[in-house]
Structures are given as structure tokens and as C-alpha cells.
Amino acid sequence: MELNLIQKIAVFALPVIFAITLHEAAHGYAALRFGDRTAQMMGRISLNPLRHIDLVGTILVPAITVALGGILFGWAKPVPVNFGNLRHPKQDMLWVAAAGPAANLVMAIFWAAMIKLAIVVPSGYSQPLALMGMAGVTINAILATLNLLPIPPLDGGRIAVSLLPPRWAYLLARLEPYGLFVLIALLATGILGMIIGPLYQGMEQLLMKLFNIIP
């Protein structure tokens, strides 16, 4: 089914907002679990999207990428984490960073289940629910794989810093101020899509098979 721009925005809006904001909330919850209360004290461990939405990153940029038909790209307000407050900073950084992509994986599974529900329980809402489910699976698959790239400040970069020997971890961590520019360059040249395309599409296909959903 070919959607016009308004329909695309309506279908993608809820999955985008929750994919990005729950990703950030998961970081805050994991940080609290491992000893850092910064996000909790700032009210960022919340399922309220308004606490996480960034006007440009959560709304404007995703809307533009959806309209243009490219790789969905966006961000929320980063959840503040003081890694020095973690009980074992270098080791616990891995779990705090991994919590975001893990939240996206859980949401991708949830949206796949919504597609299945739309198929097995037909109603007047089946088609909108199925379309929103497809959007949710795609968005969360993209965000999970994108954030696992080993480029600081992405979660994959922090995971790599946690796992690498101290000298290499220090060198990688020093790239963090330039990470966003690297991502924008990869996105603009199409290299980003070449890298994560097979990864998120593989995740989508796996979920479709898991729920026995025939496209």
C-alpha cells in the first residue's frame, strides 16, 4: 500500500517517539541499577516521551528522513549518566550502553506481535495496526543496529570502550566529540545504509519468521 506523506507521518509517529525515548529511559534505568542516580534525580527514568523528546532529533529529522525514504535517523535528549558513579565504571559501562539497543530489540518484538495480532484478529483497525507494526519493527531494528556501531558516542562505541584494553579504550573514547560528524558523513555518502542495511533487514526477516508473518 502506497502511503502519502501525511499517512506516513501518522503511521511512523508513535513508533518513532517510543523507540527513541524508551531507548534513552533504558539507559537511565540501567545506570541506576549499577549505582548512578543522575538520571533518576533529573526525572529522566520515565516512560513520558515529553521528558526525552528533542524537537529537532525526535521529530524534525525523523520526519524528513521518512518523507525522503532514506535510512531513518534521529535522537532524543541524551540521558545523563555519570560513569564515575557506577560501582565498576569500565565494566558497568557495557551494560548501561547495551540497555538502549536491548530496549529497541524488545520493542521490535512487540511491534512484530502487533502485526501478527492484526492478521489473526481482523477488525477495522487491522490495516492501520499492521502498518504501524511494520514501521515499529523497522524503526527499532534500525536503531538497535545503528547504535551498536563502534563509534562513540553511540552505544556500540561505549561498549567497545568497556571491552578494549585501557590504552585502546582511551584512544577510542577521544573520538567521541567527532562521532556525530562521522555519522553524518556516513549517512550523506550512503555508506551508513550499506553497513547497517543488511543487519537491520536481517533482524526484520528473523522477526517475520519468528511470528510466521508472510509479507
N, C-alpha and C. Protein backbone atom coordinates (compact mmCIF):
# COMPACT_ATOMS: atom_id res chain seq x y z
N MET A 1 0.85 -1.20 0.00
CA MET A 1 0.00 0.00 0.00
C MET A 1 0.89 1.24 0.00
N GLU A 2 0.68 2.12 -0.96
CA GLU A 2 1.46 3.34 -1.08
C GLU A 2 0.83 4.42 -0.21
N LEU A 3 1.63 4.98 0.72
CA LEU A 3 1.12 6.00 1.64
C LEU A 3 1.57 7.38 1.19
N ASN A 4 0.69 8.37 1.39
CA ASN A 4 1.13 9.74 1.14
C ASN A 4 1.89 10.24 2.36
N LEU A 5 2.42 11.45 2.29
CA LEU A 5 3.28 11.96 3.35
C LEU A 5 2.57 12.03 4.70
N ILE A 6 1.32 12.54 4.71
CA ILE A 6 0.58 12.65 5.97
C ILE A 6 0.33 11.28 6.58
N GLN A 7 -0.01 10.30 5.75
CA GLN A 7 -0.24 8.95 6.24
C GLN A 7 1.04 8.34 6.80
N LYS A 8 2.17 8.58 6.11
CA LYS A 8 3.44 8.07 6.61
C LYS A 8 3.77 8.62 7.99
N ILE A 9 3.57 9.93 8.15
CA ILE A 9 3.86 10.55 9.44
C ILE A 9 2.95 9.99 10.52
N ALA A 10 1.66 9.79 10.20
CA ALA A 10 0.71 9.24 11.16
C ALA A 10 1.10 7.82 11.58
N VAL A 11 1.56 7.01 10.62
CA VAL A 11 1.94 5.63 10.90
C VAL A 11 3.24 5.56 11.70
N PHE A 12 4.19 6.43 11.37
CA PHE A 12 5.51 6.35 11.98
C PHE A 12 5.62 7.11 13.30
N ALA A 13 4.72 8.07 13.57
CA ALA A 13 4.90 8.98 14.71
C ALA A 13 5.05 8.24 16.04
N LEU A 14 4.09 7.40 16.38
CA LEU A 14 4.13 6.72 17.68
C LEU A 14 5.32 5.77 17.80
N PRO A 15 5.58 4.91 16.81
CA PRO A 15 6.75 4.04 16.90
C PRO A 15 8.06 4.81 17.02
N VAL A 16 8.21 5.93 16.30
CA VAL A 16 9.45 6.71 16.38
C VAL A 16 9.63 7.29 17.76
N ILE A 17 8.58 7.92 18.29
CA ILE A 17 8.69 8.58 19.60
C ILE A 17 9.05 7.57 20.68
N PHE A 18 8.37 6.43 20.70
CA PHE A 18 8.65 5.46 21.75
C PHE A 18 9.97 4.72 21.53
N ALA A 19 10.34 4.50 20.27
CA ALA A 19 11.61 3.82 20.01
C ALA A 19 12.78 4.65 20.54
N ILE A 20 12.72 5.95 20.31
CA ILE A 20 13.83 6.81 20.72
C ILE A 20 13.79 7.10 22.22
N THR A 21 12.60 7.40 22.76
CA THR A 21 12.53 7.78 24.16
C THR A 21 12.71 6.59 25.11
N LEU A 22 12.15 5.43 24.78
CA LEU A 22 12.35 4.26 25.64
C LEU A 22 13.80 3.79 25.60
N HIS A 23 14.45 4.00 24.46
CA HIS A 23 15.88 3.71 24.36
C HIS A 23 16.64 4.50 25.42
N GLU A 24 16.34 5.80 25.53
CA GLU A 24 17.04 6.65 26.49
C GLU A 24 16.66 6.30 27.93
N ALA A 25 15.38 6.04 28.18
CA ALA A 25 14.94 5.68 29.52
C ALA A 25 15.63 4.40 30.00
N ALA A 26 15.86 3.47 29.08
CA ALA A 26 16.54 2.22 29.43
C ALA A 26 17.97 2.48 29.91
N HIS A 27 18.65 3.45 29.27
CA HIS A 27 19.99 3.81 29.74
C HIS A 27 19.92 4.31 31.18
N GLY A 28 18.95 5.17 31.47
CA GLY A 28 18.83 5.72 32.81
C GLY A 28 18.54 4.66 33.85
N TYR A 29 17.64 3.71 33.50
CA TYR A 29 17.32 2.64 34.44
C TYR A 29 18.54 1.76 34.70
N ALA A 30 19.28 1.43 33.64
CA ALA A 30 20.47 0.59 33.80
C ALA A 30 21.52 1.31 34.65
N ALA A 31 21.70 2.62 34.42
CA ALA A 31 22.66 3.38 35.22
C ALA A 31 22.28 3.34 36.70
N LEU A 32 20.98 3.50 36.99
CA LEU A 32 20.52 3.42 38.38
C LEU A 32 20.80 2.05 38.96
N ARG A 33 20.55 1.02 38.17
CA ARG A 33 20.78 -0.36 38.63
C ARG A 33 22.24 -0.59 39.01
N PHE A 34 23.15 0.10 38.31
CA PHE A 34 24.57 -0.11 38.56
C PHE A 34 25.21 1.01 39.40
N GLY A 35 24.37 1.86 39.99
CA GLY A 35 24.89 2.76 41.00
C GLY A 35 24.86 4.25 40.72
N ASP A 36 24.44 4.68 39.52
CA ASP A 36 24.43 6.11 39.21
C ASP A 36 22.99 6.62 39.23
N ARG A 37 22.69 7.58 40.12
CA ARG A 37 21.34 8.10 40.28
C ARG A 37 21.11 9.40 39.52
N THR A 38 22.05 9.80 38.67
CA THR A 38 21.94 11.08 37.98
C THR A 38 20.65 11.20 37.17
N ALA A 39 20.36 10.21 36.34
CA ALA A 39 19.15 10.25 35.52
C ALA A 39 17.89 10.26 36.38
N GLN A 40 17.90 9.50 37.46
CA GLN A 40 16.74 9.45 38.36
C GLN A 40 16.50 10.83 38.98
N MET A 41 17.56 11.47 39.45
CA MET A 41 17.41 12.78 40.09
C MET A 41 16.94 13.85 39.12
N MET A 42 17.21 13.66 37.82
CA MET A 42 16.79 14.62 36.81
C MET A 42 15.46 14.24 36.15
N GLY A 43 14.81 13.21 36.70
CA GLY A 43 13.49 12.81 36.20
C GLY A 43 13.50 12.18 34.83
N ARG A 44 14.64 11.56 34.44
CA ARG A 44 14.75 11.01 33.09
C ARG A 44 14.49 9.51 33.02
N ILE A 45 14.26 8.85 34.16
CA ILE A 45 13.86 7.45 34.11
C ILE A 45 12.33 7.45 34.08
N SER A 46 11.80 7.70 32.90
CA SER A 46 10.36 7.91 32.76
C SER A 46 9.90 7.40 31.40
N LEU A 47 8.66 6.90 31.37
CA LEU A 47 8.06 6.48 30.11
C LEU A 47 7.31 7.64 29.45
N ASN A 48 7.38 8.82 30.04
CA ASN A 48 6.75 10.00 29.47
C ASN A 48 7.63 10.55 28.35
N PRO A 49 7.19 10.45 27.09
CA PRO A 49 8.03 10.91 25.97
C PRO A 49 8.44 12.37 26.08
N LEU A 50 7.60 13.20 26.73
CA LEU A 50 7.90 14.63 26.81
C LEU A 50 9.20 14.90 27.56
N ARG A 51 9.61 13.98 28.42
CA ARG A 51 10.85 14.16 29.17
C ARG A 51 12.08 13.87 28.31
N HIS A 52 11.89 13.23 27.17
CA HIS A 52 13.02 12.80 26.35
C HIS A 52 13.06 13.43 24.96
N ILE A 53 11.92 13.97 24.51
CA ILE A 53 11.84 14.46 23.13
C ILE A 53 12.77 15.65 22.89
N ASP A 54 13.49 15.58 21.80
CA ASP A 54 14.26 16.70 21.29
C ASP A 54 13.55 17.15 20.01
N LEU A 55 13.18 18.42 19.94
CA LEU A 55 12.36 18.90 18.83
C LEU A 55 12.98 18.57 17.48
N VAL A 56 14.28 18.77 17.37
CA VAL A 56 14.96 18.50 16.09
C VAL A 56 15.18 17.01 15.90
N GLY A 57 15.81 16.37 16.89
CA GLY A 57 16.23 14.98 16.73
C GLY A 57 15.13 13.95 16.77
N THR A 58 14.07 14.21 17.57
CA THR A 58 13.00 13.23 17.73
C THR A 58 11.84 13.45 16.76
N ILE A 59 11.68 14.68 16.29
CA ILE A 59 10.53 14.99 15.45
C ILE A 59 10.94 15.42 14.04
N LEU A 60 11.73 16.49 13.94
CA LEU A 60 12.03 17.06 12.63
C LEU A 60 12.87 16.14 11.76
N VAL A 61 14.02 15.67 12.28
CA VAL A 61 14.92 14.84 11.48
C VAL A 61 14.27 13.51 11.07
N PRO A 62 13.63 12.76 12.00
CA PRO A 62 12.95 11.53 11.56
C PRO A 62 11.86 11.80 10.52
N ALA A 63 11.10 12.91 10.68
CA ALA A 63 10.05 13.22 9.71
C ALA A 63 10.63 13.45 8.33
N ILE A 64 11.77 14.14 8.27
CA ILE A 64 12.41 14.41 6.98
C ILE A 64 12.91 13.12 6.35
N THR A 65 13.56 12.25 7.16
CA THR A 65 14.10 11.01 6.61
C THR A 65 12.99 10.07 6.16
N VAL A 66 11.87 10.04 6.90
CA VAL A 66 10.72 9.22 6.47
C VAL A 66 10.16 9.75 5.16
N ALA A 67 10.04 11.08 5.06
CA ALA A 67 9.48 11.69 3.85
C ALA A 67 10.37 11.44 2.63
N LEU A 68 11.70 11.44 2.85
CA LEU A 68 12.63 11.25 1.74
C LEU A 68 12.85 9.77 1.41
N GLY A 69 12.41 8.90 2.32
CA GLY A 69 12.53 7.47 2.05
C GLY A 69 13.91 6.89 2.32
N GLY A 70 14.75 7.60 3.08
CA GLY A 70 16.09 7.09 3.38
C GLY A 70 16.12 6.34 4.69
N ILE A 71 17.35 6.06 5.18
CA ILE A 71 17.52 5.40 6.47
C ILE A 71 16.99 6.34 7.55
N LEU A 72 16.08 5.84 8.39
CA LEU A 72 15.54 6.66 9.46
C LEU A 72 16.65 7.05 10.41
N PHE A 73 16.70 8.32 10.75
CA PHE A 73 17.78 8.84 11.60
C PHE A 73 17.17 9.79 12.60
N GLY A 74 17.60 9.73 13.85
CA GLY A 74 17.08 10.65 14.86
C GLY A 74 17.69 10.38 16.21
N TRP A 75 17.32 11.21 17.17
CA TRP A 75 17.86 11.06 18.52
C TRP A 75 16.92 11.76 19.50
N ALA A 76 17.08 11.42 20.78
CA ALA A 76 16.36 12.11 21.84
C ALA A 76 17.39 12.88 22.68
N LYS A 77 16.90 13.57 23.70
CA LYS A 77 17.83 14.21 24.62
C LYS A 77 18.62 13.09 25.32
N PRO A 78 19.94 13.10 25.26
CA PRO A 78 20.71 12.03 25.90
C PRO A 78 20.44 11.98 27.40
N VAL A 79 20.25 10.79 27.92
CA VAL A 79 20.08 10.63 29.37
C VAL A 79 21.43 10.85 30.04
N PRO A 80 21.48 11.72 31.03
CA PRO A 80 22.77 11.99 31.70
C PRO A 80 23.21 10.80 32.55
N VAL A 81 24.40 10.34 32.31
CA VAL A 81 24.99 9.24 33.09
C VAL A 81 26.37 9.67 33.53
N ASN A 82 26.62 9.60 34.83
CA ASN A 82 27.96 9.85 35.37
C ASN A 82 28.63 8.50 35.57
N PHE A 83 29.46 8.12 34.59
CA PHE A 83 30.06 6.78 34.65
C PHE A 83 30.95 6.61 35.87
N GLY A 84 31.44 7.72 36.42
CA GLY A 84 32.26 7.63 37.63
C GLY A 84 31.49 7.17 38.84
N ASN A 85 30.16 7.30 38.81
CA ASN A 85 29.33 6.85 39.94
C ASN A 85 29.00 5.37 39.87
N LEU A 86 29.26 4.73 38.74
CA LEU A 86 28.97 3.30 38.63
C LEU A 86 29.90 2.52 39.56
N ARG A 87 29.40 1.40 40.06
CA ARG A 87 30.20 0.63 41.02
C ARG A 87 31.50 0.13 40.40
N HIS A 88 31.45 -0.30 39.16
CA HIS A 88 32.64 -0.71 38.42
C HIS A 88 32.59 0.00 37.07
N PRO A 89 33.06 1.25 37.01
CA PRO A 89 32.80 2.11 35.84
C PRO A 89 33.08 1.48 34.49
N LYS A 90 34.26 0.89 34.29
CA LYS A 90 34.60 0.37 32.97
C LYS A 90 33.73 -0.83 32.60
N GLN A 91 33.53 -1.73 33.56
CA GLN A 91 32.73 -2.92 33.27
C GLN A 91 31.24 -2.59 33.16
N ASP A 92 30.74 -1.75 34.08
CA ASP A 92 29.31 -1.46 34.10
C ASP A 92 28.88 -0.58 32.93
N MET A 93 29.83 0.16 32.35
CA MET A 93 29.52 0.97 31.18
C MET A 93 28.93 0.12 30.07
N LEU A 94 29.40 -1.11 29.93
CA LEU A 94 28.91 -2.01 28.89
C LEU A 94 27.40 -2.22 29.03
N TRP A 95 26.94 -2.50 30.26
CA TRP A 95 25.53 -2.82 30.48
C TRP A 95 24.65 -1.58 30.34
N VAL A 96 25.15 -0.43 30.79
CA VAL A 96 24.40 0.81 30.64
C VAL A 96 24.24 1.14 29.16
N ALA A 97 25.31 0.99 28.39
CA ALA A 97 25.25 1.27 26.95
C ALA A 97 24.37 0.27 26.22
N ALA A 98 24.47 -1.01 26.59
CA ALA A 98 23.71 -2.05 25.88
C ALA A 98 22.22 -1.98 26.17
N ALA A 99 21.83 -1.30 27.25
CA ALA A 99 20.41 -1.26 27.62
C ALA A 99 19.56 -0.59 26.54
N GLY A 100 20.10 0.42 25.85
CA GLY A 100 19.34 1.11 24.81
C GLY A 100 19.00 0.21 23.63
N PRO A 101 20.00 -0.39 22.97
CA PRO A 101 19.69 -1.33 21.88
C PRO A 101 18.84 -2.51 22.33
N ALA A 102 19.03 -2.96 23.58
CA ALA A 102 18.20 -4.06 24.09
C ALA A 102 16.73 -3.64 24.16
N ALA A 103 16.49 -2.38 24.57
CA ALA A 103 15.11 -1.87 24.61
C ALA A 103 14.51 -1.84 23.20
N ASN A 104 15.32 -1.45 22.22
CA ASN A 104 14.84 -1.44 20.83
C ASN A 104 14.52 -2.84 20.34
N LEU A 105 15.31 -3.83 20.73
CA LEU A 105 15.03 -5.21 20.34
C LEU A 105 13.70 -5.67 20.92
N VAL A 106 13.47 -5.36 22.20
CA VAL A 106 12.20 -5.73 22.85
C VAL A 106 11.03 -5.06 22.13
N MET A 107 11.19 -3.78 21.78
CA MET A 107 10.11 -3.07 21.08
C MET A 107 9.88 -3.63 19.69
N ALA A 108 10.95 -4.05 19.01
CA ALA A 108 10.79 -4.66 17.68
C ALA A 108 9.96 -5.95 17.79
N ILE A 109 10.23 -6.73 18.83
CA ILE A 109 9.45 -7.95 19.07
C ILE A 109 7.99 -7.61 19.35
N PHE A 110 7.78 -6.56 20.16
CA PHE A 110 6.41 -6.12 20.47
C PHE A 110 5.65 -5.74 19.21
N TRP A 111 6.28 -4.94 18.34
CA TRP A 111 5.60 -4.50 17.13
C TRP A 111 5.36 -5.65 16.16
N ALA A 112 6.27 -6.62 16.13
CA ALA A 112 6.03 -7.81 15.31
C ALA A 112 4.81 -8.57 15.82
N ALA A 113 4.67 -8.61 17.15
CA ALA A 113 3.48 -9.26 17.73
C ALA A 113 2.21 -8.51 17.36
N MET A 114 2.29 -7.17 17.25
CA MET A 114 1.12 -6.38 16.85
C MET A 114 0.73 -6.69 15.40
N ILE A 115 1.73 -6.91 14.54
CA ILE A 115 1.42 -7.29 13.15
C ILE A 115 0.68 -8.63 13.15
N LYS A 116 1.18 -9.57 13.93
CA LYS A 116 0.54 -10.88 14.00
C LYS A 116 -0.89 -10.76 14.53
N LEU A 117 -1.08 -9.91 15.54
CA LEU A 117 -2.41 -9.70 16.09
C LEU A 117 -3.35 -9.14 15.04
N ALA A 118 -2.85 -8.20 14.24
CA ALA A 118 -3.68 -7.61 13.17
C ALA A 118 -4.10 -8.65 12.15
N ILE A 119 -3.25 -9.65 11.95
CA ILE A 119 -3.55 -10.69 10.96
C ILE A 119 -4.55 -11.71 11.50
N VAL A 120 -4.36 -12.14 12.76
CA VAL A 120 -5.18 -13.23 13.30
C VAL A 120 -6.49 -12.74 13.91
N VAL A 121 -6.58 -11.45 14.22
CA VAL A 121 -7.83 -10.90 14.78
C VAL A 121 -8.28 -9.74 13.88
N PRO A 122 -8.87 -10.04 12.74
CA PRO A 122 -9.27 -9.00 11.79
C PRO A 122 -10.29 -8.04 12.40
N SER A 123 -10.12 -6.76 12.11
CA SER A 123 -11.06 -5.74 12.55
C SER A 123 -10.87 -4.51 11.66
N GLY A 124 -11.63 -3.47 11.96
CA GLY A 124 -11.50 -2.24 11.20
C GLY A 124 -10.16 -1.56 11.42
N TYR A 125 -9.45 -1.98 12.48
CA TYR A 125 -8.16 -1.37 12.80
C TYR A 125 -6.98 -2.23 12.35
N SER A 126 -7.26 -3.35 11.70
CA SER A 126 -6.20 -4.29 11.36
C SER A 126 -5.14 -3.67 10.45
N GLN A 127 -5.58 -2.99 9.38
CA GLN A 127 -4.60 -2.43 8.45
C GLN A 127 -3.75 -1.33 9.09
N PRO A 128 -4.35 -0.34 9.81
CA PRO A 128 -3.50 0.66 10.47
C PRO A 128 -2.55 0.03 11.49
N LEU A 129 -3.03 -0.98 12.24
CA LEU A 129 -2.18 -1.62 13.24
C LEU A 129 -1.04 -2.36 12.56
N ALA A 130 -1.32 -3.05 11.46
CA ALA A 130 -0.27 -3.77 10.75
C ALA A 130 0.77 -2.81 10.18
N LEU A 131 0.31 -1.69 9.61
CA LEU A 131 1.24 -0.69 9.07
C LEU A 131 2.10 -0.09 10.17
N MET A 132 1.48 0.23 11.30
CA MET A 132 2.23 0.78 12.42
C MET A 132 3.21 -0.26 12.97
N GLY A 133 2.77 -1.52 12.98
CA GLY A 133 3.65 -2.59 13.43
C GLY A 133 4.88 -2.74 12.54
N MET A 134 4.66 -2.67 11.23
CA MET A 134 5.79 -2.74 10.29
C MET A 134 6.74 -1.58 10.51
N ALA A 135 6.17 -0.38 10.71
CA ALA A 135 7.01 0.79 10.99
C ALA A 135 7.80 0.59 12.27
N GLY A 136 7.13 0.07 13.29
CA GLY A 136 7.79 -0.15 14.58
C GLY A 136 8.93 -1.15 14.50
N VAL A 137 8.71 -2.24 13.76
CA VAL A 137 9.78 -3.23 13.59
C VAL A 137 10.96 -2.61 12.87
N THR A 138 10.69 -1.89 11.79
CA THR A 138 11.77 -1.28 11.00
C THR A 138 12.55 -0.25 11.81
N ILE A 139 11.83 0.65 12.47
CA ILE A 139 12.48 1.71 13.25
C ILE A 139 13.37 1.12 14.34
N ASN A 140 12.84 0.17 15.09
CA ASN A 140 13.61 -0.37 16.20
C ASN A 140 14.77 -1.24 15.72
N ALA A 141 14.59 -1.93 14.60
CA ALA A 141 15.70 -2.70 14.03
C ALA A 141 16.82 -1.76 13.59
N ILE A 142 16.44 -0.63 12.97
CA ILE A 142 17.45 0.34 12.53
C ILE A 142 18.18 0.93 13.73
N LEU A 143 17.42 1.36 14.76
CA LEU A 143 18.06 2.00 15.92
C LEU A 143 18.93 1.02 16.69
N ALA A 144 18.50 -0.23 16.79
CA ALA A 144 19.31 -1.22 17.50
C ALA A 144 20.64 -1.45 16.79
N THR A 145 20.59 -1.64 15.48
CA THR A 145 21.82 -1.92 14.73
C THR A 145 22.68 -0.67 14.60
N LEU A 146 22.05 0.48 14.37
CA LEU A 146 22.81 1.72 14.26
C LEU A 146 23.58 2.01 15.54
N ASN A 147 22.92 1.87 16.67
CA ASN A 147 23.55 2.21 17.94
C ASN A 147 24.61 1.21 18.38
N LEU A 148 24.68 0.07 17.73
CA LEU A 148 25.72 -0.91 18.06
C LEU A 148 26.99 -0.70 17.24
N LEU A 149 26.99 0.27 16.33
CA LEU A 149 28.23 0.58 15.61
C LEU A 149 29.28 1.08 16.61
N PRO A 150 30.52 0.63 16.50
CA PRO A 150 31.55 1.00 17.49
C PRO A 150 32.11 2.41 17.27
N ILE A 151 31.21 3.39 17.25
CA ILE A 151 31.61 4.79 17.05
C ILE A 151 31.10 5.60 18.24
N PRO A 152 31.97 6.09 19.11
CA PRO A 152 31.48 6.97 20.18
C PRO A 152 30.85 8.21 19.56
N PRO A 153 29.76 8.76 20.11
CA PRO A 153 29.12 8.40 21.38
C PRO A 153 27.99 7.37 21.24
N LEU A 154 27.92 6.65 20.13
CA LEU A 154 26.92 5.58 20.02
C LEU A 154 27.17 4.53 21.08
N ASP A 155 26.12 3.77 21.39
CA ASP A 155 26.24 2.75 22.43
C ASP A 155 27.32 1.73 22.10
N GLY A 156 27.46 1.39 20.82
CA GLY A 156 28.48 0.44 20.42
C GLY A 156 29.88 0.96 20.72
N GLY A 157 30.06 2.27 20.59
CA GLY A 157 31.34 2.86 20.94
C GLY A 157 31.64 2.72 22.42
N ARG A 158 30.62 2.93 23.25
CA ARG A 158 30.81 2.80 24.70
C ARG A 158 31.03 1.33 25.08
N ILE A 159 30.34 0.43 24.39
CA ILE A 159 30.56 -0.99 24.65
C ILE A 159 31.99 -1.36 24.29
N ALA A 160 32.48 -0.85 23.16
CA ALA A 160 33.86 -1.12 22.74
C ALA A 160 34.86 -0.56 23.74
N VAL A 161 34.61 0.65 24.25
CA VAL A 161 35.49 1.24 25.26
C VAL A 161 35.52 0.37 26.50
N SER A 162 34.38 -0.20 26.86
CA SER A 162 34.31 -1.06 28.04
C SER A 162 35.11 -2.35 27.85
N LEU A 163 35.14 -2.86 26.62
CA LEU A 163 35.76 -4.17 26.36
C LEU A 163 37.24 -4.08 26.00
N LEU A 164 37.66 -2.94 25.42
CA LEU A 164 39.05 -2.83 24.95
C LEU A 164 40.02 -2.66 26.11
N PRO A 165 41.28 -3.02 25.89
CA PRO A 165 42.33 -2.72 26.88
C PRO A 165 42.41 -1.22 27.11
N PRO A 166 42.85 -0.78 28.30
CA PRO A 166 42.82 0.64 28.65
C PRO A 166 43.41 1.57 27.61
N ARG A 167 44.55 1.24 27.02
CA ARG A 167 45.19 2.15 26.06
C ARG A 167 44.31 2.35 24.83
N TRP A 168 43.78 1.26 24.27
CA TRP A 168 42.93 1.36 23.09
C TRP A 168 41.58 1.99 23.43
N ALA A 169 41.07 1.69 24.63
CA ALA A 169 39.82 2.28 25.08
C ALA A 169 39.95 3.81 25.17
N TYR A 170 41.08 4.27 25.68
CA TYR A 170 41.32 5.72 25.81
C TYR A 170 41.36 6.38 24.44
N LEU A 171 42.03 5.75 23.49
CA LEU A 171 42.13 6.32 22.15
C LEU A 171 40.76 6.39 21.47
N LEU A 172 39.96 5.33 21.63
CA LEU A 172 38.63 5.32 21.03
C LEU A 172 37.74 6.37 21.69
N ALA A 173 37.81 6.48 23.02
CA ALA A 173 36.98 7.44 23.73
C ALA A 173 37.26 8.87 23.30
N ARG A 174 38.50 9.15 22.88
CA ARG A 174 38.87 10.51 22.47
C ARG A 174 38.20 10.91 21.14
N LEU A 175 37.64 9.93 20.43
CA LEU A 175 36.95 10.24 19.17
C LEU A 175 35.53 10.74 19.39
N GLU A 176 35.02 10.67 20.64
CA GLU A 176 33.62 10.97 20.90
C GLU A 176 33.17 12.34 20.40
N PRO A 177 33.96 13.42 20.57
CA PRO A 177 33.49 14.74 20.09
C PRO A 177 33.26 14.79 18.58
N TYR A 178 33.85 13.85 17.85
CA TYR A 178 33.75 13.87 16.38
C TYR A 178 32.80 12.81 15.85
N GLY A 179 32.23 12.01 16.76
CA GLY A 179 31.40 10.88 16.34
C GLY A 179 30.19 11.28 15.51
N LEU A 180 29.51 12.36 15.91
CA LEU A 180 28.32 12.79 15.18
C LEU A 180 28.68 13.20 13.75
N PHE A 181 29.82 13.87 13.58
CA PHE A 181 30.24 14.28 12.24
C PHE A 181 30.57 13.06 11.37
N VAL A 182 31.15 12.04 12.00
CA VAL A 182 31.43 10.80 11.27
C VAL A 182 30.13 10.17 10.79
N LEU A 183 29.13 10.14 11.68
CA LEU A 183 27.83 9.55 11.33
C LEU A 183 27.16 10.32 10.19
N ILE A 184 27.18 11.64 10.29
CA ILE A 184 26.55 12.45 9.24
C ILE A 184 27.24 12.22 7.90
N ALA A 185 28.58 12.11 7.93
CA ALA A 185 29.32 11.85 6.70
C ALA A 185 28.96 10.48 6.13
N LEU A 186 28.84 9.48 7.00
CA LEU A 186 28.46 8.14 6.54
C LEU A 186 27.05 8.13 5.97
N LEU A 187 26.16 8.89 6.60
CA LEU A 187 24.77 8.97 6.14
C LEU A 187 24.70 9.67 4.78
N ALA A 188 25.43 10.79 4.65
CA ALA A 188 25.38 11.59 3.42
C ALA A 188 25.96 10.84 2.22
N THR A 189 26.95 10.00 2.47
CA THR A 189 27.61 9.28 1.38
C THR A 189 26.93 7.95 1.05
N GLY A 190 25.96 7.55 1.88
CA GLY A 190 25.28 6.28 1.64
C GLY A 190 25.99 5.09 2.25
N ILE A 191 27.16 5.33 2.85
CA ILE A 191 27.91 4.22 3.44
C ILE A 191 27.19 3.66 4.66
N LEU A 192 26.53 4.54 5.42
CA LEU A 192 25.81 4.08 6.61
C LEU A 192 24.76 3.04 6.23
N GLY A 193 24.00 3.32 5.18
CA GLY A 193 22.99 2.37 4.74
C GLY A 193 23.59 1.05 4.29
N MET A 194 24.75 1.11 3.63
CA MET A 194 25.42 -0.10 3.18
C MET A 194 25.88 -0.95 4.36
N ILE A 195 26.24 -0.29 5.47
CA ILE A 195 26.74 -1.01 6.64
C ILE A 195 25.59 -1.66 7.41
N ILE A 196 24.59 -0.82 7.76
CA ILE A 196 23.55 -1.35 8.65
C ILE A 196 22.36 -1.94 7.90
N GLY A 197 22.25 -1.67 6.57
CA GLY A 197 21.12 -2.21 5.81
C GLY A 197 20.96 -3.71 5.95
N PRO A 198 22.00 -4.50 5.64
CA PRO A 198 21.86 -5.96 5.78
C PRO A 198 21.57 -6.40 7.21
N LEU A 199 22.07 -5.62 8.20
CA LEU A 199 21.89 -6.00 9.60
C LEU A 199 20.44 -5.81 10.04
N TYR A 200 19.88 -4.62 9.79
CA TYR A 200 18.51 -4.41 10.27
C TYR A 200 17.50 -5.19 9.42
N GLN A 201 17.79 -5.37 8.13
CA GLN A 201 16.90 -6.17 7.30
C GLN A 201 16.92 -7.63 7.73
N GLY A 202 18.08 -8.12 8.14
CA GLY A 202 18.18 -9.47 8.66
C GLY A 202 17.37 -9.63 9.94
N MET A 203 17.40 -8.59 10.80
CA MET A 203 16.61 -8.63 12.03
C MET A 203 15.12 -8.64 11.71
N GLU A 204 14.70 -7.83 10.75
CA GLU A 204 13.30 -7.80 10.33
C GLU A 204 12.86 -9.17 9.84
N GLN A 205 13.67 -9.78 8.97
CA GLN A 205 13.31 -11.08 8.41
C GLN A 205 13.22 -12.15 9.49
N LEU A 206 14.14 -12.07 10.47
CA LEU A 206 14.12 -13.03 11.56
C LEU A 206 12.84 -12.92 12.37
N LEU A 207 12.40 -11.69 12.65
CA LEU A 207 11.17 -11.49 13.41
C LEU A 207 9.95 -11.93 12.61
N MET A 208 9.96 -11.67 11.31
CA MET A 208 8.84 -12.12 10.48
C MET A 208 8.72 -13.64 10.50
N LYS A 209 9.88 -14.32 10.47
CA LYS A 209 9.86 -15.78 10.52
C LYS A 209 9.44 -16.28 11.90
N LEU A 210 9.92 -15.58 12.94
CA LEU A 210 9.59 -15.98 14.30
C LEU A 210 8.09 -15.95 14.55
N PHE A 211 7.42 -14.93 14.00
CA PHE A 211 5.97 -14.80 14.18
C PHE A 211 5.18 -15.36 13.01
N ASN A 212 5.89 -16.00 12.09
CA ASN A 212 5.24 -16.62 10.93
C ASN A 212 4.38 -15.61 10.18
N ILE A 213 4.98 -14.46 9.90
CA ILE A 213 4.28 -13.40 9.18
C ILE A 213 4.74 -13.42 7.73
N ILE A 214 3.78 -13.56 6.83
CA ILE A 214 4.09 -13.59 5.41
C ILE A 214 3.85 -12.20 4.84
N PRO A 215 4.89 -11.53 4.31
CA PRO A 215 4.71 -10.17 3.77
C PRO A 215 3.75 -10.14 2.59
